[in-house]
Amino acid sequence: MARGMSLYSEERECFICHSPQVHLHHIYGGHGRRPISDREGCWVYLCPAHHNMSDFGVHFDHKLDKFFKEDCERRWCERNGKSPDDFRELFGINYI
């Protein structure tokens, strides 16, 4: 599936610390949502530590995970001129 332009940045650097060593994080990756995240730009580059290689990575830090899920939903709605109801229809869940 083609990956859409990220709602965050196309720069191949960590969105948080700007490290050039990155993983691609699908913000809505579970429950079959990874292909939708790819297509809709709901992904972000994160360094290994901010992704899944430390306790403060998005996969282990509930606050950071929540931030990205809520913020990305807002960005998606704004970019597409859609509502949270439209987001829920596409992703099957809301975060804001």
PDB file of N, CA and C in Angstrom:
ATOM      1  N   MET A   1       0.846  -1.184   0.000  1.00  0.00           N
ATOM      2  CA  MET A   1       0.000   0.000   0.000  1.00  0.00           C
ATOM      3  C   MET A   1       0.887   1.241   0.000  1.00  0.00           C
ATOM      4  N   ALA A   2       0.491   2.224  -0.739  1.00  0.00           N
ATOM      5  CA  ALA A   2       1.261   3.467  -0.817  1.00  0.00           C
ATOM      6  C   ALA A   2       1.164   4.227   0.501  1.00  0.00           C
ATOM      7  N   ARG A   3       2.277   4.773   0.897  1.00  0.00           N
ATOM      8  CA  ARG A   3       2.300   5.556   2.131  1.00  0.00           C
ATOM      9  C   ARG A   3       2.020   7.007   1.786  1.00  0.00           C
ATOM     10  N   GLY A   4       1.037   7.589   2.468  1.00  0.00           N
ATOM     11  CA  GLY A   4       0.722   8.996   2.282  1.00  0.00           C
ATOM     12  C   GLY A   4       1.719   9.883   2.996  1.00  0.00           C
ATOM     13  N   MET A   5       1.695  11.155   2.679  1.00  0.00           N
ATOM     14  CA  MET A   5       2.579  12.121   3.319  1.00  0.00           C
ATOM     15  C   MET A   5       2.238  12.210   4.812  1.00  0.00           C
ATOM     16  N   SER A   6       3.247  12.141   5.641  1.00  0.00           N
ATOM     17  CA  SER A   6       3.043  12.198   7.089  1.00  0.00           C
ATOM     18  C   SER A   6       2.390  13.511   7.500  1.00  0.00           C
ATOM     19  N   LEU A   7       1.508  13.420   8.463  1.00  0.00           N
ATOM     20  CA  LEU A   7       0.902  14.619   9.047  1.00  0.00           C
ATOM     21  C   LEU A   7       1.903  15.359   9.931  1.00  0.00           C
ATOM     22  N   TYR A   8       3.068  14.775  10.160  1.00  0.00           N
ATOM     23  CA  TYR A   8       4.072  15.381  11.037  1.00  0.00           C
ATOM     24  C   TYR A   8       5.253  15.954  10.263  1.00  0.00           C
ATOM     25  N   SER A   9       6.000  15.122   9.601  1.00  0.00           N
ATOM     26  CA  SER A   9       7.169  15.613   8.881  1.00  0.00           C
ATOM     27  C   SER A   9       7.657  14.522   7.947  1.00  0.00           C
ATOM     28  N   GLU A  10       8.140  14.929   6.804  1.00  0.00           N
ATOM     29  CA  GLU A  10       8.748  13.990   5.869  1.00  0.00           C
ATOM     30  C   GLU A  10      10.258  13.873   6.118  1.00  0.00           C
ATOM     31  N   GLU A  11      10.778  14.715   7.006  1.00  0.00           N
ATOM     32  CA  GLU A  11      12.208  14.664   7.329  1.00  0.00           C
ATOM     33  C   GLU A  11      12.512  13.346   8.035  1.00  0.00           C
ATOM     34  N   ARG A  12      13.540  12.658   7.566  1.00  0.00           N
ATOM     35  CA  ARG A  12      13.921  11.386   8.181  1.00  0.00           C
ATOM     36  C   ARG A  12      14.767  11.661   9.426  1.00  0.00           C
ATOM     37  N   GLU A  13      14.090  12.222  10.426  1.00  0.00           N
ATOM     38  CA  GLU A  13      14.716  12.467  11.722  1.00  0.00           C
ATOM     39  C   GLU A  13      13.640  12.323  12.784  1.00  0.00           C
ATOM     40  N   CYS A  14      14.064  12.012  13.999  1.00  0.00           N
ATOM     41  CA  CYS A  14      13.112  11.841  15.089  1.00  0.00           C
ATOM     42  C   CYS A  14      12.316  13.131  15.299  1.00  0.00           C
ATOM     43  N   PHE A  15      11.012  13.007  15.319  1.00  0.00           N
ATOM     44  CA  PHE A  15      10.141  14.165  15.520  1.00  0.00           C
ATOM     45  C   PHE A  15      10.404  14.825  16.871  1.00  0.00           C
ATOM     46  N   ILE A  16      10.878  14.057  17.852  1.00  0.00           N
ATOM     47  CA  ILE A  16      11.078  14.572  19.209  1.00  0.00           C
ATOM     48  C   ILE A  16      12.486  15.124  19.408  1.00  0.00           C
ATOM     49  N   CYS A  17      13.508  14.327  19.100  1.00  0.00           N
ATOM     50  CA  CYS A  17      14.882  14.748  19.414  1.00  0.00           C
ATOM     51  C   CYS A  17      15.745  15.040  18.187  1.00  0.00           C
ATOM     52  N   HIS A  18      15.207  14.827  16.996  1.00  0.00           N
ATOM     53  CA  HIS A  18      15.877  15.119  15.723  1.00  0.00           C
ATOM     54  C   HIS A  18      17.055  14.204  15.399  1.00  0.00           C
ATOM     55  N   SER A  19      17.148  13.070  16.078  1.00  0.00           N
ATOM     56  CA  SER A  19      18.177  12.087  15.744  1.00  0.00           C
ATOM     57  C   SER A  19      17.964  11.613  14.311  1.00  0.00           C
ATOM     58  N   PRO A  20      19.058  11.387  13.564  1.00  0.00           N
ATOM     59  CA  PRO A  20      18.913  10.913  12.184  1.00  0.00           C
ATOM     60  C   PRO A  20      18.639   9.405  12.089  1.00  0.00           C
ATOM     61  N   GLN A  21      18.797   8.680  13.186  1.00  0.00           N
ATOM     62  CA  GLN A  21      18.512   7.240  13.184  1.00  0.00           C
ATOM     63  C   GLN A  21      17.065   7.056  13.607  1.00  0.00           C
ATOM     64  N   VAL A  22      16.229   6.538  12.690  1.00  0.00           N
ATOM     65  CA  VAL A  22      14.792   6.532  12.957  1.00  0.00           C
ATOM     66  C   VAL A  22      14.115   5.201  12.634  1.00  0.00           C
ATOM     67  N   HIS A  23      12.989   5.023  13.298  1.00  0.00           N
ATOM     68  CA  HIS A  23      12.004   3.990  12.992  1.00  0.00           C
ATOM     69  C   HIS A  23      10.755   4.732  12.532  1.00  0.00           C
ATOM     70  N   LEU A  24       9.930   4.075  11.742  1.00  0.00           N
ATOM     71  CA  LEU A  24       8.650   4.648  11.352  1.00  0.00           C
ATOM     72  C   LEU A  24       7.598   4.111  12.323  1.00  0.00           C
ATOM     73  N   HIS A  25       6.906   5.001  12.995  1.00  0.00           N
ATOM     74  CA  HIS A  25       5.872   4.621  13.966  1.00  0.00           C
ATOM     75  C   HIS A  25       4.490   4.900  13.391  1.00  0.00           C
ATOM     76  N   HIS A  26       3.670   3.849  13.288  1.00  0.00           N
ATOM     77  CA  HIS A  26       2.276   4.003  12.875  1.00  0.00           C
ATOM     78  C   HIS A  26       1.482   4.402  14.114  1.00  0.00           C
ATOM     79  N   ILE A  27       0.894   5.570  14.089  1.00  0.00           N
ATOM     80  CA  ILE A  27       0.206   6.092  15.265  1.00  0.00           C
ATOM     81  C   ILE A  27      -1.011   5.244  15.613  1.00  0.00           C
ATOM     82  N   TYR A  28      -1.695   4.741  14.602  1.00  0.00           N
ATOM     83  CA  TYR A  28      -2.830   3.840  14.813  1.00  0.00           C
ATOM     84  C   TYR A  28      -2.473   2.512  14.174  1.00  0.00           C
ATOM     85  N   GLY A  29      -1.643   1.732  14.839  1.00  0.00           N
ATOM     86  CA  GLY A  29      -1.117   0.520  14.235  1.00  0.00           C
ATOM     87  C   GLY A  29      -1.884  -0.754  14.505  1.00  0.00           C
ATOM     88  N   GLY A  30      -2.620  -0.819  15.583  1.00  0.00           N
ATOM     89  CA  GLY A  30      -3.292  -2.062  15.942  1.00  0.00           C
ATOM     90  C   GLY A  30      -4.658  -2.210  15.308  1.00  0.00           C
ATOM     91  N   HIS A  31      -5.228  -3.382  15.489  1.00  0.00           N
ATOM     92  CA  HIS A  31      -6.599  -3.674  15.059  1.00  0.00           C
ATOM     93  C   HIS A  31      -6.819  -3.410  13.575  1.00  0.00           C
ATOM     94  N   GLY A  32      -5.836  -3.747  12.741  1.00  0.00           N
ATOM     95  CA  GLY A  32      -5.967  -3.579  11.295  1.00  0.00           C
ATOM     96  C   GLY A  32      -5.887  -2.146  10.809  1.00  0.00           C
ATOM     97  N   ARG A  33      -5.440  -1.232  11.647  1.00  0.00           N
ATOM     98  CA  ARG A  33      -5.405   0.185  11.280  1.00  0.00           C
ATOM     99  C   ARG A  33      -4.092   0.615  10.623  1.00  0.00           C
ATOM    100  N   ARG A  34      -3.094  -0.249  10.596  1.00  0.00           N
ATOM    101  CA  ARG A  34      -1.785   0.130  10.028  1.00  0.00           C
ATOM    102  C   ARG A  34      -1.905   0.566   8.562  1.00  0.00           C
ATOM    103  N   PRO A  35      -2.621  -0.175   7.707  1.00  0.00           N
ATOM    104  CA  PRO A  35      -2.743   0.282   6.309  1.00  0.00           C
ATOM    105  C   PRO A  35      -3.449   1.637   6.187  1.00  0.00           C
ATOM    106  N   ILE A  36      -4.416   1.884   7.051  1.00  0.00           N
ATOM    107  CA  ILE A  36      -5.117   3.174   7.030  1.00  0.00           C
ATOM    108  C   ILE A  36      -4.163   4.270   7.487  1.00  0.00           C
ATOM    109  N   SER A  37      -3.392   3.998   8.551  1.00  0.00           N
ATOM    110  CA  SER A  37      -2.399   4.967   9.024  1.00  0.00           C
ATOM    111  C   SER A  37      -1.408   5.300   7.922  1.00  0.00           C
ATOM    112  N   ASP A  38      -0.955   4.277   7.204  1.00  0.00           N
ATOM    113  CA  ASP A  38      -0.028   4.504   6.092  1.00  0.00           C
ATOM    114  C   ASP A  38      -0.651   5.441   5.063  1.00  0.00           C
ATOM    115  N   ARG A  39      -1.814   5.082   4.589  1.00  0.00           N
ATOM    116  CA  ARG A  39      -2.476   5.831   3.513  1.00  0.00           C
ATOM    117  C   ARG A  39      -2.820   7.265   3.930  1.00  0.00           C
ATOM    118  N   GLU A  40      -3.247   7.440   5.179  1.00  0.00           N
ATOM    119  CA  GLU A  40      -3.728   8.743   5.656  1.00  0.00           C
ATOM    120  C   GLU A  40      -2.639   9.618   6.259  1.00  0.00           C
ATOM    121  N   GLY A  41      -1.394   9.152   6.279  1.00  0.00           N
ATOM    122  CA  GLY A  41      -0.296   9.955   6.812  1.00  0.00           C
ATOM    123  C   GLY A  41      -0.227   9.985   8.324  1.00  0.00           C
ATOM    124  N   CYS A  42      -0.828   9.003   8.966  1.00  0.00           N
ATOM    125  CA  CYS A  42      -0.855   8.940  10.435  1.00  0.00           C
ATOM    126  C   CYS A  42       0.337   8.126  10.933  1.00  0.00           C
ATOM    127  N   TRP A  43       1.511   8.632  10.620  1.00  0.00           N
ATOM    128  CA  TRP A  43       2.757   8.014  11.038  1.00  0.00           C
ATOM    129  C   TRP A  43       3.784   9.110  11.275  1.00  0.00           C
ATOM    130  N   VAL A  44       4.816   8.736  12.028  1.00  0.00           N
ATOM    131  CA  VAL A  44       5.834   9.709  12.401  1.00  0.00           C
ATOM    132  C   VAL A  44       7.170   8.978  12.532  1.00  0.00           C
ATOM    133  N   TYR A  45       8.252   9.665  12.174  1.00  0.00           N
ATOM    134  CA  TYR A  45       9.581   9.114  12.406  1.00  0.00           C
ATOM    135  C   TYR A  45       9.974   9.376  13.852  1.00  0.00           C
ATOM    136  N   LEU A  46      10.455   8.309  14.520  1.00  0.00           N
ATOM    137  CA  LEU A  46      10.953   8.412  15.884  1.00  0.00           C
ATOM    138  C   LEU A  46      12.275   7.661  15.979  1.00  0.00           C
ATOM    139  N   CYS A  47      13.182   8.154  16.799  1.00  0.00           N
ATOM    140  CA  CYS A  47      14.433   7.432  17.022  1.00  0.00           C
ATOM    141  C   CYS A  47      14.100   6.150  17.793  1.00  0.00           C
ATOM    142  N   PRO A  48      15.011   5.194  17.822  1.00  0.00           N
ATOM    143  CA  PRO A  48      14.728   3.950  18.530  1.00  0.00           C
ATOM    144  C   PRO A  48      14.297   4.168  19.991  1.00  0.00           C
ATOM    145  N   ALA A  49      14.939   5.088  20.682  1.00  0.00           N
ATOM    146  CA  ALA A  49      14.578   5.328  22.089  1.00  0.00           C
ATOM    147  C   ALA A  49      13.168   5.888  22.227  1.00  0.00           C
ATOM    148  N   HIS A  50      12.786   6.810  21.374  1.00  0.00           N
ATOM    149  CA  HIS A  50      11.439   7.379  21.459  1.00  0.00           C
ATOM    150  C   HIS A  50      10.379   6.466  20.839  1.00  0.00           C
ATOM    151  N   HIS A  51      10.821   5.428  20.140  1.00  0.00           N
ATOM    152  CA  HIS A  51       9.883   4.488  19.544  1.00  0.00           C
ATOM    153  C   HIS A  51       9.641   3.299  20.482  1.00  0.00           C
ATOM    154  N   ASN A  52      10.582   2.355  20.542  1.00  0.00           N
ATOM    155  CA  ASN A  52      10.318   1.140  21.309  1.00  0.00           C
ATOM    156  C   ASN A  52      11.545   0.553  21.997  1.00  0.00           C
ATOM    157  N   MET A  53      12.600   1.328  22.140  1.00  0.00           N
ATOM    158  CA  MET A  53      13.834   0.797  22.731  1.00  0.00           C
ATOM    159  C   MET A  53      14.159   1.389  24.105  1.00  0.00           C
ATOM    160  N   SER A  54      13.167   2.008  24.739  1.00  0.00           N
ATOM    161  CA  SER A  54      13.362   2.542  26.092  1.00  0.00           C
ATOM    162  C   SER A  54      12.011   2.653  26.783  1.00  0.00           C
ATOM    163  N   ASP A  55      12.054   2.852  28.075  1.00  0.00           N
ATOM    164  CA  ASP A  55      10.814   3.008  28.846  1.00  0.00           C
ATOM    165  C   ASP A  55      10.063   4.281  28.481  1.00  0.00           C
ATOM    166  N   PHE A  56      10.759   5.263  27.887  1.00  0.00           N
ATOM    167  CA  PHE A  56      10.085   6.513  27.523  1.00  0.00           C
ATOM    168  C   PHE A  56       9.662   6.524  26.052  1.00  0.00           C
ATOM    169  N   GLY A  57       9.804   5.394  25.375  1.00  0.00           N
ATOM    170  CA  GLY A  57       9.345   5.293  23.992  1.00  0.00           C
ATOM    171  C   GLY A  57       7.827   5.243  23.917  1.00  0.00           C
ATOM    172  N   VAL A  58       7.294   5.596  22.777  1.00  0.00           N
ATOM    173  CA  VAL A  58       5.849   5.702  22.578  1.00  0.00           C
ATOM    174  C   VAL A  58       5.124   4.378  22.860  1.00  0.00           C
ATOM    175  N   HIS A  59       5.796   3.251  22.671  1.00  0.00           N
ATOM    176  CA  HIS A  59       5.149   1.965  22.924  1.00  0.00           C
ATOM    177  C   HIS A  59       5.035   1.642  24.405  1.00  0.00           C
ATOM    178  N   PHE A  60       5.726   2.388  25.254  1.00  0.00           N
ATOM    179  CA  PHE A  60       5.699   2.123  26.694  1.00  0.00           C
ATOM    180  C   PHE A  60       5.232   3.316  27.521  1.00  0.00           C
ATOM    181  N   ASP A  61       5.262   4.499  26.957  1.00  0.00           N
ATOM    182  CA  ASP A  61       4.868   5.727  27.664  1.00  0.00           C
ATOM    183  C   ASP A  61       3.440   6.087  27.259  1.00  0.00           C
ATOM    184  N   HIS A  62       2.496   5.816  28.148  1.00  0.00           N
ATOM    185  CA  HIS A  62       1.074   6.036  27.855  1.00  0.00           C
ATOM    186  C   HIS A  62       0.786   7.495  27.486  1.00  0.00           C
ATOM    187  N   LYS A  63       1.426   8.437  28.172  1.00  0.00           N
ATOM    188  CA  LYS A  63       1.174   9.858  27.882  1.00  0.00           C
ATOM    189  C   LYS A  63       1.639  10.234  26.474  1.00  0.00           C
ATOM    190  N   LEU A  64       2.791   9.739  26.064  1.00  0.00           N
ATOM    191  CA  LEU A  64       3.299  10.038  24.726  1.00  0.00           C
ATOM    192  C   LEU A  64       2.408   9.395  23.666  1.00  0.00           C
ATOM    193  N   ASP A  65       2.007   8.163  23.897  1.00  0.00           N
ATOM    194  CA  ASP A  65       1.102   7.483  22.967  1.00  0.00           C
ATOM    195  C   ASP A  65      -0.214   8.250  22.846  1.00  0.00           C
ATOM    196  N   LYS A  66      -0.762   8.657  23.962  1.00  0.00           N
ATOM    197  CA  LYS A  66      -2.017   9.422  23.967  1.00  0.00           C
ATOM    198  C   LYS A  66      -1.846  10.750  23.232  1.00  0.00           C
ATOM    199  N   PHE A  67      -0.714  11.432  23.470  1.00  0.00           N
ATOM    200  CA  PHE A  67      -0.451  12.694  22.776  1.00  0.00           C
ATOM    201  C   PHE A  67      -0.536  12.497  21.269  1.00  0.00           C
ATOM    202  N   PHE A  68       0.205  11.504  20.740  1.00  0.00           N
ATOM    203  CA  PHE A  68       0.210  11.296  19.296  1.00  0.00           C
ATOM    204  C   PHE A  68      -1.170  10.909  18.771  1.00  0.00           C
ATOM    205  N   LYS A  69      -1.895  10.056  19.475  1.00  0.00           N
ATOM    206  CA  LYS A  69      -3.222   9.650  19.007  1.00  0.00           C
ATOM    207  C   LYS A  69      -4.192  10.846  18.954  1.00  0.00           C
ATOM    208  N   GLU A  70      -4.207  11.666  19.988  1.00  0.00           N
ATOM    209  CA  GLU A  70      -5.097  12.833  20.011  1.00  0.00           C
ATOM    210  C   GLU A  70      -4.651  13.887  19.003  1.00  0.00           C
ATOM    211  N   ASP A  71      -3.362  14.197  19.006  1.00  0.00           N
ATOM    212  CA  ASP A  71      -2.843  15.230  18.121  1.00  0.00           C
ATOM    213  C   ASP A  71      -3.002  14.839  16.655  1.00  0.00           C
ATOM    214  N   CYS A  72      -2.744  13.592  16.340  1.00  0.00           N
ATOM    215  CA  CYS A  72      -2.859  13.144  14.957  1.00  0.00           C
ATOM    216  C   CYS A  72      -4.314  13.193  14.491  1.00  0.00           C
ATOM    217  N   GLU A  73      -5.247  12.839  15.361  1.00  0.00           N
ATOM    218  CA  GLU A  73      -6.658  12.945  14.970  1.00  0.00           C
ATOM    219  C   GLU A  73      -7.010  14.395  14.646  1.00  0.00           C
ATOM    220  N   ARG A  74      -6.546  15.329  15.461  1.00  0.00           N
ATOM    221  CA  ARG A  74      -6.801  16.749  15.186  1.00  0.00           C
ATOM    222  C   ARG A  74      -6.176  17.179  13.856  1.00  0.00           C
ATOM    223  N   ARG A  75      -4.936  16.774  13.629  1.00  0.00           N
ATOM    224  CA  ARG A  75      -4.248  17.126  12.380  1.00  0.00           C
ATOM    225  C   ARG A  75      -4.978  16.527  11.179  1.00  0.00           C
ATOM    226  N   TRP A  76      -5.422  15.267  11.309  1.00  0.00           N
ATOM    227  CA  TRP A  76      -6.131  14.608  10.217  1.00  0.00           C
ATOM    228  C   TRP A  76      -7.426  15.349   9.890  1.00  0.00           C
ATOM    229  N   CYS A  77      -8.190  15.702  10.919  1.00  0.00           N
ATOM    230  CA  CYS A  77      -9.446  16.426  10.708  1.00  0.00           C
ATOM    231  C   CYS A  77      -9.189  17.767  10.038  1.00  0.00           C
ATOM    232  N   GLU A  78      -8.173  18.481  10.514  1.00  0.00           N
ATOM    233  CA  GLU A  78      -7.856  19.795   9.956  1.00  0.00           C
ATOM    234  C   GLU A  78      -7.401  19.681   8.507  1.00  0.00           C
ATOM    235  N   ARG A  79      -6.488  18.761   8.213  1.00  0.00           N
ATOM    236  CA  ARG A  79      -5.970  18.612   6.851  1.00  0.00           C
ATOM    237  C   ARG A  79      -7.067  18.229   5.859  1.00  0.00           C
ATOM    238  N   ASN A  80      -7.998  17.406   6.314  1.00  0.00           N
ATOM    239  CA  ASN A  80      -9.031  16.879   5.420  1.00  0.00           C
ATOM    240  C   ASN A  80     -10.362  17.619   5.493  1.00  0.00           C
ATOM    241  N   GLY A  81     -10.453  18.630   6.359  1.00  0.00           N
ATOM    242  CA  GLY A  81     -11.719  19.346   6.512  1.00  0.00           C
ATOM    243  C   GLY A  81     -12.825  18.433   7.002  1.00  0.00           C
ATOM    244  N   LYS A  82     -12.464  17.524   7.896  1.00  0.00           N
ATOM    245  CA  LYS A  82     -13.396  16.506   8.402  1.00  0.00           C
ATOM    246  C   LYS A  82     -13.610  16.689   9.894  1.00  0.00           C
ATOM    247  N   SER A  83     -14.565  15.942  10.413  1.00  0.00           N
ATOM    248  CA  SER A  83     -14.904  15.999  11.836  1.00  0.00           C
ATOM    249  C   SER A  83     -14.391  14.748  12.552  1.00  0.00           C
ATOM    250  N   PRO A  84     -14.373  14.777  13.880  1.00  0.00           N
ATOM    251  CA  PRO A  84     -14.046  13.561  14.628  1.00  0.00           C
ATOM    252  C   PRO A  84     -14.980  12.398  14.293  1.00  0.00           C
ATOM    253  N   ASP A  85     -16.225  12.682  13.933  1.00  0.00           N
ATOM    254  CA  ASP A  85     -17.133  11.608  13.510  1.00  0.00           C
ATOM    255  C   ASP A  85     -16.646  10.953  12.219  1.00  0.00           C
ATOM    256  N   ASP A  86     -16.107  11.752  11.293  1.00  0.00           N
ATOM    257  CA  ASP A  86     -15.536  11.209  10.060  1.00  0.00           C
ATOM    258  C   ASP A  86     -14.314  10.342  10.369  1.00  0.00           C
ATOM    259  N   PHE A  87     -13.510  10.814  11.316  1.00  0.00           N
ATOM    260  CA  PHE A  87     -12.333  10.056  11.737  1.00  0.00           C
ATOM    261  C   PHE A  87     -12.772   8.704  12.302  1.00  0.00           C
ATOM    262  N   ARG A  88     -13.762   8.708  13.171  1.00  0.00           N
ATOM    263  CA  ARG A  88     -14.262   7.476  13.783  1.00  0.00           C
ATOM    264  C   ARG A  88     -14.810   6.516  12.720  1.00  0.00           C
ATOM    265  N   GLU A  89     -15.468   7.059  11.723  1.00  0.00           N
ATOM    266  CA  GLU A  89     -16.000   6.222  10.649  1.00  0.00           C
ATOM    267  C   GLU A  89     -14.862   5.502   9.907  1.00  0.00           C
ATOM    268  N   LEU A  90     -13.759   6.192   9.701  1.00  0.00           N
ATOM    269  CA  LEU A  90     -12.624   5.608   8.989  1.00  0.00           C
ATOM    270  C   LEU A  90     -11.814   4.650   9.876  1.00  0.00           C
ATOM    271  N   PHE A  91     -11.476   5.108  11.091  1.00  0.00           N
ATOM    272  CA  PHE A  91     -10.587   4.343  11.964  1.00  0.00           C
ATOM    273  C   PHE A  91     -11.319   3.448  12.953  1.00  0.00           C
ATOM    274  N   GLY A  92     -12.603   3.663  13.160  1.00  0.00           N
ATOM    275  CA  GLY A  92     -13.372   2.828  14.081  1.00  0.00           C
ATOM    276  C   GLY A  92     -13.217   3.218  15.534  1.00  0.00           C
ATOM    277  N   ILE A  93     -12.623   4.385  15.796  1.00  0.00           N
ATOM    278  CA  ILE A  93     -12.386   4.829  17.174  1.00  0.00           C
ATOM    279  C   ILE A  93     -12.070   6.327  17.152  1.00  0.00           C
ATOM    280  N   ASN A  94     -12.307   6.986  18.269  1.00  0.00           N
ATOM    281  CA  ASN A  94     -11.923   8.392  18.441  1.00  0.00           C
ATOM    282  C   ASN A  94     -10.994   8.525  19.632  1.00  0.00           C
ATOM    283  N   TYR A  95     -10.178   9.582  19.603  1.00  0.00           N
ATOM    284  CA  TYR A  95      -9.270   9.875  20.708  1.00  0.00           C
ATOM    285  C   TYR A  95      -9.485  11.265  21.276  1.00  0.00           C
ATOM    286  N   ILE A  96     -10.247  12.120  20.559  1.00  0.00           N
ATOM    287  CA  ILE A  96     -10.519  13.466  21.086  1.00  0.00           C
ATOM    288  C   ILE A  96     -12.013  13.623  21.319  1.00  0.00           C
TER     289      ILE A  96
END
